Amino acid sequence: SRDESTDYAASVKGRFTISRDKAKNMVFLQMNNLEPGDTAVYF
């Protein structure tokens, strides 16, 4: 929230992208090139 810096787990870096849309009051996680190891409940 302070500087909009982002971070990613090594297992998803390069495949996932986090972003904000302030107007919609939402945060997104774009997940590409999904693998079976990504199967989980996401919070």
ModelCIF file with pLDDT and N, C-alpha, C, O atoms, coordinates in Angstrom:
data_MODEL
#
_entry.id   MODEL 
#
_entity.id                         1 
_entity.type                       polymer 
_entity.pdbx_number_of_molecules   1 
#
_entity_poly.entity_id                      1 
_entity_poly.type                           'polypeptide(L)' 
_entity_poly.nstd_linkage                   no 
_entity_poly.nstd_monomer                   no 
_entity_poly.pdbx_seq_one_letter_code       SRDESTDYAASVKGRFTISRDKAKNMVFLQMNNLEPGDTAVYF 
_entity_poly.pdbx_seq_one_letter_code_can   SRDESTDYAASVKGRFTISRDKAKNMVFLQMNNLEPGDTAVYF 
_entity_poly.pdbx_strand_id                 A 
#
loop_
_entity_poly_seq.entity_id 
_entity_poly_seq.num 
_entity_poly_seq.mon_id 
_entity_poly_seq.hetero 
1 1  SER n 
1 2  ARG n 
1 3  ASP n 
1 4  GLU n 
1 5  SER n 
1 6  THR n 
1 7  ASP n 
1 8  TYR n 
1 9  ALA n 
1 10 ALA n 
1 11 SER n 
1 12 VAL n 
1 13 LYS n 
1 14 GLY n 
1 15 ARG n 
1 16 PHE n 
1 17 THR n 
1 18 ILE n 
1 19 SER n 
1 20 ARG n 
1 21 ASP n 
1 22 LYS n 
1 23 ALA n 
1 24 LYS n 
1 25 ASN n 
1 26 MET n 
1 27 VAL n 
1 28 PHE n 
1 29 LEU n 
1 30 GLN n 
1 31 MET n 
1 32 ASN n 
1 33 ASN n 
1 34 LEU n 
1 35 GLU n 
1 36 PRO n 
1 37 GLY n 
1 38 ASP n 
1 39 THR n 
1 40 ALA n 
1 41 VAL n 
1 42 TYR n 
1 43 PHE n 
#
_struct_asym.id          A 
_struct_asym.entity_id   1 
#
loop_
_ma_qa_metric.id 
_ma_qa_metric.mode 
_ma_qa_metric.name 
_ma_qa_metric.software_group_id 
_ma_qa_metric.type 
1 global pLDDT . pLDDT 
2 local  pLDDT . pLDDT 
#
_ma_qa_metric_global.metric_id      1 
_ma_qa_metric_global.metric_value   95.79 
_ma_qa_metric_global.model_id       1 
_ma_qa_metric_global.ordinal_id     1 
#
loop_
_ma_qa_metric_local.label_asym_id 
_ma_qa_metric_local.label_comp_id 
_ma_qa_metric_local.label_seq_id 
_ma_qa_metric_local.metric_id 
_ma_qa_metric_local.metric_value 
_ma_qa_metric_local.model_id 
_ma_qa_metric_local.ordinal_id 
A SER 1  2 91.00 1 1  
A ARG 2  2 85.00 1 2  
A ASP 3  2 82.00 1 3  
A GLU 4  2 85.00 1 4  
A SER 5  2 92.00 1 5  
A THR 6  2 96.00 1 6  
A ASP 7  2 96.00 1 7  
A TYR 8  2 97.00 1 8  
A ALA 9  2 97.00 1 9  
A ALA 10 2 96.00 1 10 
A SER 11 2 96.00 1 11 
A VAL 12 2 98.00 1 12 
A LYS 13 2 97.00 1 13 
A GLY 14 2 98.00 1 14 
A ARG 15 2 98.00 1 15 
A PHE 16 2 98.00 1 16 
A THR 17 2 98.00 1 17 
A ILE 18 2 98.00 1 18 
A SER 19 2 97.00 1 19 
A ARG 20 2 95.00 1 20 
A ASP 21 2 95.00 1 21 
A LYS 22 2 92.00 1 22 
A ALA 23 2 94.00 1 23 
A LYS 24 2 95.00 1 24 
A ASN 25 2 95.00 1 25 
A MET 26 2 96.00 1 26 
A VAL 27 2 97.00 1 27 
A PHE 28 2 98.00 1 28 
A LEU 29 2 98.00 1 29 
A GLN 30 2 98.00 1 30 
A MET 31 2 98.00 1 31 
A ASN 32 2 98.00 1 32 
A ASN 33 2 98.00 1 33 
A LEU 34 2 98.00 1 34 
A GLU 35 2 97.00 1 35 
A PRO 36 2 97.00 1 36 
A GLY 37 2 97.00 1 37 
A ASP 38 2 98.00 1 38 
A THR 39 2 98.00 1 39 
A ALA 40 2 98.00 1 40 
A VAL 41 2 98.00 1 41 
A TYR 42 2 98.00 1 42 
A PHE 43 2 98.00 1 43 
#
loop_
_atom_site.group_PDB 
_atom_site.id 
_atom_site.type_symbol 
_atom_site.label_atom_id 
_atom_site.label_alt_id 
_atom_site.label_comp_id 
_atom_site.label_asym_id 
_atom_site.label_entity_id 
_atom_site.label_seq_id 
_atom_site.pdbx_PDB_ins_code 
_atom_site.Cartn_x 
_atom_site.Cartn_y 
_atom_site.Cartn_z 
_atom_site.occupancy 
_atom_site.B_iso_or_equiv 
_atom_site.pdbx_formal_charge 
_atom_site.auth_seq_id 
_atom_site.auth_comp_id 
_atom_site.auth_asym_id 
_atom_site.auth_atom_id 
_atom_site.pdbx_PDB_model_num 
ATOM 1   N N  . SER A 1 1  ? 0.815   -1.204  0.000   1.00 91.00 ? 1  SER A N  1 
ATOM 2   C CA . SER A 1 1  ? 0.000   0.000   0.000   1.00 91.00 ? 1  SER A CA 1 
ATOM 3   C C  . SER A 1 1  ? 0.849   1.255   0.000   1.00 91.00 ? 1  SER A C  1 
ATOM 4   O O  . SER A 1 1  ? 0.439   2.279   -0.546  1.00 91.00 ? 1  SER A O  1 
ATOM 5   N N  . ARG A 1 2  ? 2.028   1.191   0.605   1.00 85.00 ? 2  ARG A N  1 
ATOM 6   C CA . ARG A 1 2  ? 2.865   2.374   0.742   1.00 85.00 ? 2  ARG A CA 1 
ATOM 7   C C  . ARG A 1 2  ? 3.483   2.808   -0.579  1.00 85.00 ? 2  ARG A C  1 
ATOM 8   O O  . ARG A 1 2  ? 3.417   3.980   -0.949  1.00 85.00 ? 2  ARG A O  1 
ATOM 9   N N  . ASP A 1 3  ? 4.084   1.858   -1.287  1.00 82.00 ? 3  ASP A N  1 
ATOM 10  C CA . ASP A 1 3  ? 4.810   2.222   -2.500  1.00 82.00 ? 3  ASP A CA 1 
ATOM 11  C C  . ASP A 1 3  ? 4.444   1.380   -3.712  1.00 82.00 ? 3  ASP A C  1 
ATOM 12  O O  . ASP A 1 3  ? 5.071   1.517   -4.763  1.00 82.00 ? 3  ASP A O  1 
ATOM 13  N N  . GLU A 1 4  ? 3.453   0.522   -3.594  1.00 85.00 ? 4  GLU A N  1 
ATOM 14  C CA . GLU A 1 4  ? 2.956   -0.338  -4.671  1.00 85.00 ? 4  GLU A CA 1 
ATOM 15  C C  . GLU A 1 4  ? 3.991   -1.343  -5.160  1.00 85.00 ? 4  GLU A C  1 
ATOM 16  O O  . GLU A 1 4  ? 3.857   -1.899  -6.250  1.00 85.00 ? 4  GLU A O  1 
ATOM 17  N N  . SER A 1 5  ? 5.014   -1.573  -4.359  1.00 92.00 ? 5  SER A N  1 
ATOM 18  C CA . SER A 1 5  ? 5.945   -2.627  -4.699  1.00 92.00 ? 5  SER A CA 1 
ATOM 19  C C  . SER A 1 5  ? 5.247   -3.977  -4.594  1.00 92.00 ? 5  SER A C  1 
ATOM 20  O O  . SER A 1 5  ? 4.266   -4.123  -3.865  1.00 92.00 ? 5  SER A O  1 
ATOM 21  N N  . THR A 1 6  ? 5.752   -4.947  -5.315  1.00 96.00 ? 6  THR A N  1 
ATOM 22  C CA . THR A 1 6  ? 5.147   -6.275  -5.347  1.00 96.00 ? 6  THR A CA 1 
ATOM 23  C C  . THR A 1 6  ? 6.192   -7.336  -5.070  1.00 96.00 ? 6  THR A C  1 
ATOM 24  O O  . THR A 1 6  ? 7.394   -7.088  -5.163  1.00 96.00 ? 6  THR A O  1 
ATOM 25  N N  . ASP A 1 7  ? 5.719   -8.508  -4.732  1.00 96.00 ? 7  ASP A N  1 
ATOM 26  C CA . ASP A 1 7  ? 6.608   -9.630  -4.505  1.00 96.00 ? 7  ASP A CA 1 
ATOM 27  C C  . ASP A 1 7  ? 5.871   -10.904 -4.883  1.00 96.00 ? 7  ASP A C  1 
ATOM 28  O O  . ASP A 1 7  ? 4.641   -10.953 -4.887  1.00 96.00 ? 7  ASP A O  1 
ATOM 29  N N  . TYR A 1 8  ? 6.647   -11.933 -5.201  1.00 97.00 ? 8  TYR A N  1 
ATOM 30  C CA . TYR A 1 8  ? 6.088   -13.203 -5.628  1.00 97.00 ? 8  TYR A CA 1 
ATOM 31  C C  . TYR A 1 8  ? 6.893   -14.351 -5.048  1.00 97.00 ? 8  TYR A C  1 
ATOM 32  O O  . TYR A 1 8  ? 8.108   -14.252 -4.875  1.00 97.00 ? 8  TYR A O  1 
ATOM 33  N N  . ALA A 1 9  ? 6.208   -15.428 -4.752  1.00 97.00 ? 9  ALA A N  1 
ATOM 34  C CA . ALA A 1 9  ? 6.900   -16.647 -4.394  1.00 97.00 ? 9  ALA A CA 1 
ATOM 35  C C  . ALA A 1 9  ? 7.689   -17.145 -5.596  1.00 97.00 ? 9  ALA A C  1 
ATOM 36  O O  . ALA A 1 9  ? 7.290   -16.946 -6.744  1.00 97.00 ? 9  ALA A O  1 
ATOM 37  N N  . ALA A 1 10 ? 8.806   -17.788 -5.319  1.00 96.00 ? 10 ALA A N  1 
ATOM 38  C CA . ALA A 1 10 ? 9.646   -18.268 -6.406  1.00 96.00 ? 10 ALA A CA 1 
ATOM 39  C C  . ALA A 1 10 ? 8.903   -19.220 -7.326  1.00 96.00 ? 10 ALA A C  1 
ATOM 40  O O  . ALA A 1 10 ? 9.178   -19.268 -8.525  1.00 96.00 ? 10 ALA A O  1 
ATOM 41  N N  . SER A 1 11 ? 7.968   -19.975 -6.778  1.00 96.00 ? 11 SER A N  1 
ATOM 42  C CA . SER A 1 11 ? 7.250   -20.966 -7.561  1.00 96.00 ? 11 SER A CA 1 
ATOM 43  C C  . SER A 1 11 ? 6.301   -20.360 -8.587  1.00 96.00 ? 11 SER A C  1 
ATOM 44  O O  . SER A 1 11 ? 5.892   -21.046 -9.524  1.00 96.00 ? 11 SER A O  1 
ATOM 45  N N  . VAL A 1 12 ? 5.944   -19.087 -8.429  1.00 98.00 ? 12 VAL A N  1 
ATOM 46  C CA . VAL A 1 12 ? 4.994   -18.457 -9.345  1.00 98.00 ? 12 VAL A CA 1 
ATOM 47  C C  . VAL A 1 12 ? 5.579   -17.267 -10.091 1.00 98.00 ? 12 VAL A C  1 
ATOM 48  O O  . VAL A 1 12 ? 4.940   -16.740 -11.001 1.00 98.00 ? 12 VAL A O  1 
ATOM 49  N N  . LYS A 1 13 ? 6.756   -16.841 -9.731  1.00 97.00 ? 13 LYS A N  1 
ATOM 50  C CA . LYS A 1 13 ? 7.350   -15.664 -10.352 1.00 97.00 ? 13 LYS A CA 1 
ATOM 51  C C  . LYS A 1 13 ? 7.492   -15.873 -11.852 1.00 97.00 ? 13 LYS A C  1 
ATOM 52  O O  . LYS A 1 13 ? 7.968   -16.912 -12.311 1.00 97.00 ? 13 LYS A O  1 
ATOM 53  N N  . GLY A 1 14 ? 7.075   -14.874 -12.599 1.00 98.00 ? 14 GLY A N  1 
ATOM 54  C CA . GLY A 1 14 ? 7.094   -14.953 -14.047 1.00 98.00 ? 14 GLY A CA 1 
ATOM 55  C C  . GLY A 1 14 ? 5.818   -15.488 -14.644 1.00 98.00 ? 14 GLY A C  1 
ATOM 56  O O  . GLY A 1 14 ? 5.592   -15.349 -15.846 1.00 98.00 ? 14 GLY A O  1 
ATOM 57  N N  . ARG A 1 15 ? 4.969   -16.103 -13.822 1.00 98.00 ? 15 ARG A N  1 
ATOM 58  C CA . ARG A 1 15 ? 3.702   -16.647 -14.300 1.00 98.00 ? 15 ARG A CA 1 
ATOM 59  C C  . ARG A 1 15 ? 2.497   -15.891 -13.739 1.00 98.00 ? 15 ARG A C  1 
ATOM 60  O O  . ARG A 1 15 ? 1.468   -15.779 -14.406 1.00 98.00 ? 15 ARG A O  1 
ATOM 61  N N  . PHE A 1 16 ? 2.621   -15.376 -12.519 1.00 98.00 ? 16 PHE A N  1 
ATOM 62  C CA . PHE A 1 16 ? 1.525   -14.672 -11.865 1.00 98.00 ? 16 PHE A CA 1 
ATOM 63  C C  . PHE A 1 16 ? 1.837   -13.186 -11.800 1.00 98.00 ? 16 PHE A C  1 
ATOM 64  O O  . PHE A 1 16 ? 2.998   -12.790 -11.705 1.00 98.00 ? 16 PHE A O  1 
ATOM 65  N N  . THR A 1 17 ? 0.791   -12.364 -11.851 1.00 98.00 ? 17 THR A N  1 
ATOM 66  C CA . THR A 1 17 ? 0.937   -10.923 -11.742 1.00 98.00 ? 17 THR A CA 1 
ATOM 67  C C  . THR A 1 17 ? -0.143  -10.376 -10.824 1.00 98.00 ? 17 THR A C  1 
ATOM 68  O O  . THR A 1 17 ? -1.327  -10.646 -11.023 1.00 98.00 ? 17 THR A O  1 
ATOM 69  N N  . ILE A 1 18 ? 0.260   -9.609  -9.822  1.00 98.00 ? 18 ILE A N  1 
ATOM 70  C CA . ILE A 1 18 ? -0.680  -8.984  -8.911  1.00 98.00 ? 18 ILE A CA 1 
ATOM 71  C C  . ILE A 1 18 ? -0.859  -7.522  -9.314  1.00 98.00 ? 18 ILE A C  1 
ATOM 72  O O  . ILE A 1 18 ? 0.091   -6.875  -9.756  1.00 98.00 ? 18 ILE A O  1 
ATOM 73  N N  . SER A 1 19 ? -2.074  -7.006  -9.160  1.00 97.00 ? 19 SER A N  1 
ATOM 74  C CA . SER A 1 19 ? -2.348  -5.632  -9.541  1.00 97.00 ? 19 SER A CA 1 
ATOM 75  C C  . SER A 1 19 ? -3.524  -5.090  -8.750  1.00 97.00 ? 19 SER A C  1 
ATOM 76  O O  . SER A 1 19 ? -4.291  -5.847  -8.155  1.00 97.00 ? 19 SER A O  1 
ATOM 77  N N  . ARG A 1 20 ? -3.658  -3.770  -8.750  1.00 95.00 ? 20 ARG A N  1 
ATOM 78  C CA . ARG A 1 20 ? -4.781  -3.092  -8.110  1.00 95.00 ? 20 ARG A CA 1 
ATOM 79  C C  . ARG A 1 20 ? -5.594  -2.335  -9.142  1.00 95.00 ? 20 ARG A C  1 
ATOM 80  O O  . ARG A 1 20 ? -5.071  -1.890  -10.164 1.00 95.00 ? 20 ARG A O  1 
ATOM 81  N N  . ASP A 1 21 ? -6.877  -2.196  -8.859  1.00 95.00 ? 21 ASP A N  1 
ATOM 82  C CA . ASP A 1 21 ? -7.737  -1.275  -9.570  1.00 95.00 ? 21 ASP A CA 1 
ATOM 83  C C  . ASP A 1 21 ? -8.418  -0.441  -8.497  1.00 95.00 ? 21 ASP A C  1 
ATOM 84  O O  . ASP A 1 21 ? -9.413  -0.868  -7.911  1.00 95.00 ? 21 ASP A O  1 
ATOM 85  N N  . LYS A 1 22 ? -7.888  0.743   -8.240  1.00 92.00 ? 22 LYS A N  1 
ATOM 86  C CA . LYS A 1 22 ? -8.409  1.578   -7.162  1.00 92.00 ? 22 LYS A CA 1 
ATOM 87  C C  . LYS A 1 22 ? -9.855  1.979   -7.403  1.00 92.00 ? 22 LYS A C  1 
ATOM 88  O O  . LYS A 1 22 ? -10.648 2.034   -6.463  1.00 92.00 ? 22 LYS A O  1 
ATOM 89  N N  . ALA A 1 23 ? -10.205 2.261   -8.651  1.00 94.00 ? 23 ALA A N  1 
ATOM 90  C CA . ALA A 1 23 ? -11.563 2.683   -8.962  1.00 94.00 ? 23 ALA A CA 1 
ATOM 91  C C  . ALA A 1 23 ? -12.573 1.598   -8.627  1.00 94.00 ? 23 ALA A C  1 
ATOM 92  O O  . ALA A 1 23 ? -13.686 1.899   -8.197  1.00 94.00 ? 23 ALA A O  1 
ATOM 93  N N  . LYS A 1 24 ? -12.198 0.341   -8.818  1.00 95.00 ? 24 LYS A N  1 
ATOM 94  C CA . LYS A 1 24 ? -13.081 -0.776  -8.528  1.00 95.00 ? 24 LYS A CA 1 
ATOM 95  C C  . LYS A 1 24 ? -12.891 -1.329  -7.124  1.00 95.00 ? 24 LYS A C  1 
ATOM 96  O O  . LYS A 1 24 ? -13.621 -2.227  -6.703  1.00 95.00 ? 24 LYS A O  1 
ATOM 97  N N  . ASN A 1 25 ? -11.911 -0.795  -6.398  1.00 95.00 ? 25 ASN A N  1 
ATOM 98  C CA . ASN A 1 25 ? -11.594 -1.283  -5.059  1.00 95.00 ? 25 ASN A CA 1 
ATOM 99  C C  . ASN A 1 25 ? -11.348 -2.790  -5.084  1.00 95.00 ? 25 ASN A C  1 
ATOM 100 O O  . ASN A 1 25 ? -11.938 -3.541  -4.308  1.00 95.00 ? 25 ASN A O  1 
ATOM 101 N N  . MET A 1 26 ? -10.476 -3.212  -5.978  1.00 96.00 ? 26 MET A N  1 
ATOM 102 C CA . MET A 1 26 ? -10.191 -4.626  -6.143  1.00 96.00 ? 26 MET A CA 1 
ATOM 103 C C  . MET A 1 26 ? -8.695  -4.859  -6.333  1.00 96.00 ? 26 MET A C  1 
ATOM 104 O O  . MET A 1 26 ? -7.963  -3.983  -6.796  1.00 96.00 ? 26 MET A O  1 
ATOM 105 N N  . VAL A 1 27 ? -8.274  -6.033  -5.972  1.00 97.00 ? 27 VAL A N  1 
ATOM 106 C CA . VAL A 1 27 ? -6.923  -6.513  -6.223  1.00 97.00 ? 27 VAL A CA 1 
ATOM 107 C C  . VAL A 1 27 ? -7.039  -7.804  -7.013  1.00 97.00 ? 27 VAL A C  1 
ATOM 108 O O  . VAL A 1 27 ? -7.872  -8.657  -6.707  1.00 97.00 ? 27 VAL A O  1 
ATOM 109 N N  . PHE A 1 28 ? -6.209  -7.942  -8.018  1.00 98.00 ? 28 PHE A N  1 
ATOM 110 C CA . PHE A 1 28 ? -6.281  -9.079  -8.916  1.00 98.00 ? 28 PHE A CA 1 
ATOM 111 C C  . PHE A 1 28 ? -5.009  -9.910  -8.849  1.00 98.00 ? 28 PHE A C  1 
ATOM 112 O O  . PHE A 1 28 ? -3.935  -9.412  -8.513  1.00 98.00 ? 28 PHE A O  1 
ATOM 113 N N  . LEU A 1 29 ? -5.155  -11.169 -9.170  1.00 98.00 ? 29 LEU A N  1 
ATOM 114 C CA . LEU A 1 29 ? -4.022  -12.053 -9.361  1.00 98.00 ? 29 LEU A CA 1 
ATOM 115 C C  . LEU A 1 29 ? -4.221  -12.762 -10.690 1.00 98.00 ? 29 LEU A C  1 
ATOM 116 O O  . LEU A 1 29 ? -5.019  -13.693 -10.800 1.00 98.00 ? 29 LEU A O  1 
ATOM 117 N N  . GLN A 1 30 ? -3.490  -12.313 -11.688 1.00 98.00 ? 30 GLN A N  1 
ATOM 118 C CA . GLN A 1 30 ? -3.529  -12.951 -12.997 1.00 98.00 ? 30 GLN A CA 1 
ATOM 119 C C  . GLN A 1 30 ? -2.578  -14.132 -12.978 1.00 98.00 ? 30 GLN A C  1 
ATOM 120 O O  . GLN A 1 30 ? -1.385  -13.969 -12.720 1.00 98.00 ? 30 GLN A O  1 
ATOM 121 N N  . MET A 1 31 ? -3.095  -15.311 -13.246 1.00 98.00 ? 31 MET A N  1 
ATOM 122 C CA . MET A 1 31 ? -2.324  -16.539 -13.190 1.00 98.00 ? 31 MET A CA 1 
ATOM 123 C C  . MET A 1 31 ? -2.261  -17.140 -14.586 1.00 98.00 ? 31 MET A C  1 
ATOM 124 O O  . MET A 1 31 ? -3.281  -17.545 -15.144 1.00 98.00 ? 31 MET A O  1 
ATOM 125 N N  . ASN A 1 32 ? -1.065  -17.195 -15.142 1.00 98.00 ? 32 ASN A N  1 
ATOM 126 C CA . ASN A 1 32 ? -0.847  -17.752 -16.462 1.00 98.00 ? 32 ASN A CA 1 
ATOM 127 C C  . ASN A 1 32 ? 0.034   -18.989 -16.369 1.00 98.00 ? 32 ASN A C  1 
ATOM 128 O O  . ASN A 1 32 ? 0.715   -19.216 -15.369 1.00 98.00 ? 32 ASN A O  1 
ATOM 129 N N  . ASN A 1 33 ? 0.005   -19.781 -17.430 1.00 98.00 ? 33 ASN A N  1 
ATOM 130 C CA . ASN A 1 33 ? 0.827   -20.988 -17.495 1.00 98.00 ? 33 ASN A CA 1 
ATOM 131 C C  . ASN A 1 33 ? 0.658   -21.851 -16.253 1.00 98.00 ? 33 ASN A C  1 
ATOM 132 O O  . ASN A 1 33 ? 1.633   -22.288 -15.641 1.00 98.00 ? 33 ASN A O  1 
ATOM 133 N N  . LEU A 1 34 ? -0.581  -22.085 -15.899 1.00 98.00 ? 34 LEU A N  1 
ATOM 134 C CA . LEU A 1 34 ? -0.874  -22.812 -14.672 1.00 98.00 ? 34 LEU A CA 1 
ATOM 135 C C  . LEU A 1 34 ? -0.401  -24.256 -14.744 1.00 98.00 ? 34 LEU A C  1 
ATOM 136 O O  . LEU A 1 34 ? -0.431  -24.892 -15.797 1.00 98.00 ? 34 LEU A O  1 
ATOM 137 N N  . GLU A 1 35 ? 0.032   -24.746 -13.607 1.00 97.00 ? 35 GLU A N  1 
ATOM 138 C CA . GLU A 1 35 ? 0.556   -26.089 -13.456 1.00 97.00 ? 35 GLU A CA 1 
ATOM 139 C C  . GLU A 1 35 ? -0.254  -26.834 -12.404 1.00 97.00 ? 35 GLU A C  1 
ATOM 140 O O  . GLU A 1 35 ? -0.894  -26.206 -11.561 1.00 97.00 ? 35 GLU A O  1 
ATOM 141 N N  . PRO A 1 36 ? -0.236  -28.173 -12.440 1.00 97.00 ? 36 PRO A N  1 
ATOM 142 C CA . PRO A 1 36 ? -0.961  -28.918 -11.407 1.00 97.00 ? 36 PRO A CA 1 
ATOM 143 C C  . PRO A 1 36 ? -0.541  -28.549 -9.991  1.00 97.00 ? 36 PRO A C  1 
ATOM 144 O O  . PRO A 1 36 ? -1.360  -28.600 -9.073  1.00 97.00 ? 36 PRO A O  1 
ATOM 145 N N  . GLY A 1 37 ? 0.710   -28.181 -9.802  1.00 97.00 ? 37 GLY A N  1 
ATOM 146 C CA . GLY A 1 37 ? 1.176   -27.759 -8.493  1.00 97.00 ? 37 GLY A CA 1 
ATOM 147 C C  . GLY A 1 37 ? 0.547   -26.477 -7.990  1.00 97.00 ? 37 GLY A C  1 
ATOM 148 O O  . GLY A 1 37 ? 0.687   -26.144 -6.813  1.00 97.00 ? 37 GLY A O  1 
ATOM 149 N N  . ASP A 1 38 ? -0.141  -25.751 -8.853  1.00 98.00 ? 38 ASP A N  1 
ATOM 150 C CA . ASP A 1 38 ? -0.840  -24.543 -8.437  1.00 98.00 ? 38 ASP A CA 1 
ATOM 151 C C  . ASP A 1 38 ? -2.211  -24.835 -7.851  1.00 98.00 ? 38 ASP A C  1 
ATOM 152 O O  . ASP A 1 38 ? -2.873  -23.924 -7.353  1.00 98.00 ? 38 ASP A O  1 
ATOM 153 N N  . THR A 1 39 ? -2.647  -26.081 -7.898  1.00 98.00 ? 39 THR A N  1 
ATOM 154 C CA . THR A 1 39 ? -3.949  -26.452 -7.367  1.00 98.00 ? 39 THR A CA 1 
ATOM 155 C C  . THR A 1 39 ? -4.003  -26.184 -5.871  1.00 98.00 ? 39 THR A C  1 
ATOM 156 O O  . THR A 1 39 ? -3.182  -26.701 -5.113  1.00 98.00 ? 39 THR A O  1 
ATOM 157 N N  . ALA A 1 40 ? -4.957  -25.386 -5.452  1.00 98.00 ? 40 ALA A N  1 
ATOM 158 C CA . ALA A 1 40 ? -5.085  -24.997 -4.050  1.00 98.00 ? 40 ALA A CA 1 
ATOM 159 C C  . ALA A 1 40 ? -6.297  -24.098 -3.903  1.00 98.00 ? 40 ALA A C  1 
ATOM 160 O O  . ALA A 1 40 ? -6.890  -23.659 -4.888  1.00 98.00 ? 40 ALA A O  1 
ATOM 161 N N  . VAL A 1 41 ? -6.652  -23.833 -2.654  1.00 98.00 ? 41 VAL A N  1 
ATOM 162 C CA . VAL A 1 41 ? -7.589  -22.767 -2.351  1.00 98.00 ? 41 VAL A CA 1 
ATOM 163 C C  . VAL A 1 41 ? -6.778  -21.489 -2.200  1.00 98.00 ? 41 VAL A C  1 
ATOM 164 O O  . VAL A 1 41 ? -5.801  -21.455 -1.452  1.00 98.00 ? 41 VAL A O  1 
ATOM 165 N N  . TYR A 1 42 ? -7.174  -20.454 -2.898  1.00 98.00 ? 42 TYR A N  1 
ATOM 166 C CA . TYR A 1 42 ? -6.463  -19.192 -2.887  1.00 98.00 ? 42 TYR A CA 1 
ATOM 167 C C  . TYR A 1 42 ? -7.209  -18.175 -2.039  1.00 98.00 ? 42 TYR A C  1 
ATOM 168 O O  . TYR A 1 42 ? -8.422  -18.007 -2.166  1.00 98.00 ? 42 TYR A O  1 
ATOM 169 N N  . PHE A 1 43 ? -6.466  -17.501 -1.176  1.00 98.00 ? 43 PHE A N  1 
ATOM 170 C CA . PHE A 1 43 ? -7.012  -16.522 -0.251  1.00 98.00 ? 43 PHE A CA 1 
ATOM 171 C C  . PHE A 1 43 ? -6.355  -15.166 -0.457  1.00 98.00 ? 43 PHE A C  1 
ATOM 172 O O  . PHE A 1 43 ? -6.689  -14.206 0.238   1.00 98.00 ? 43 PHE A O  1 
#
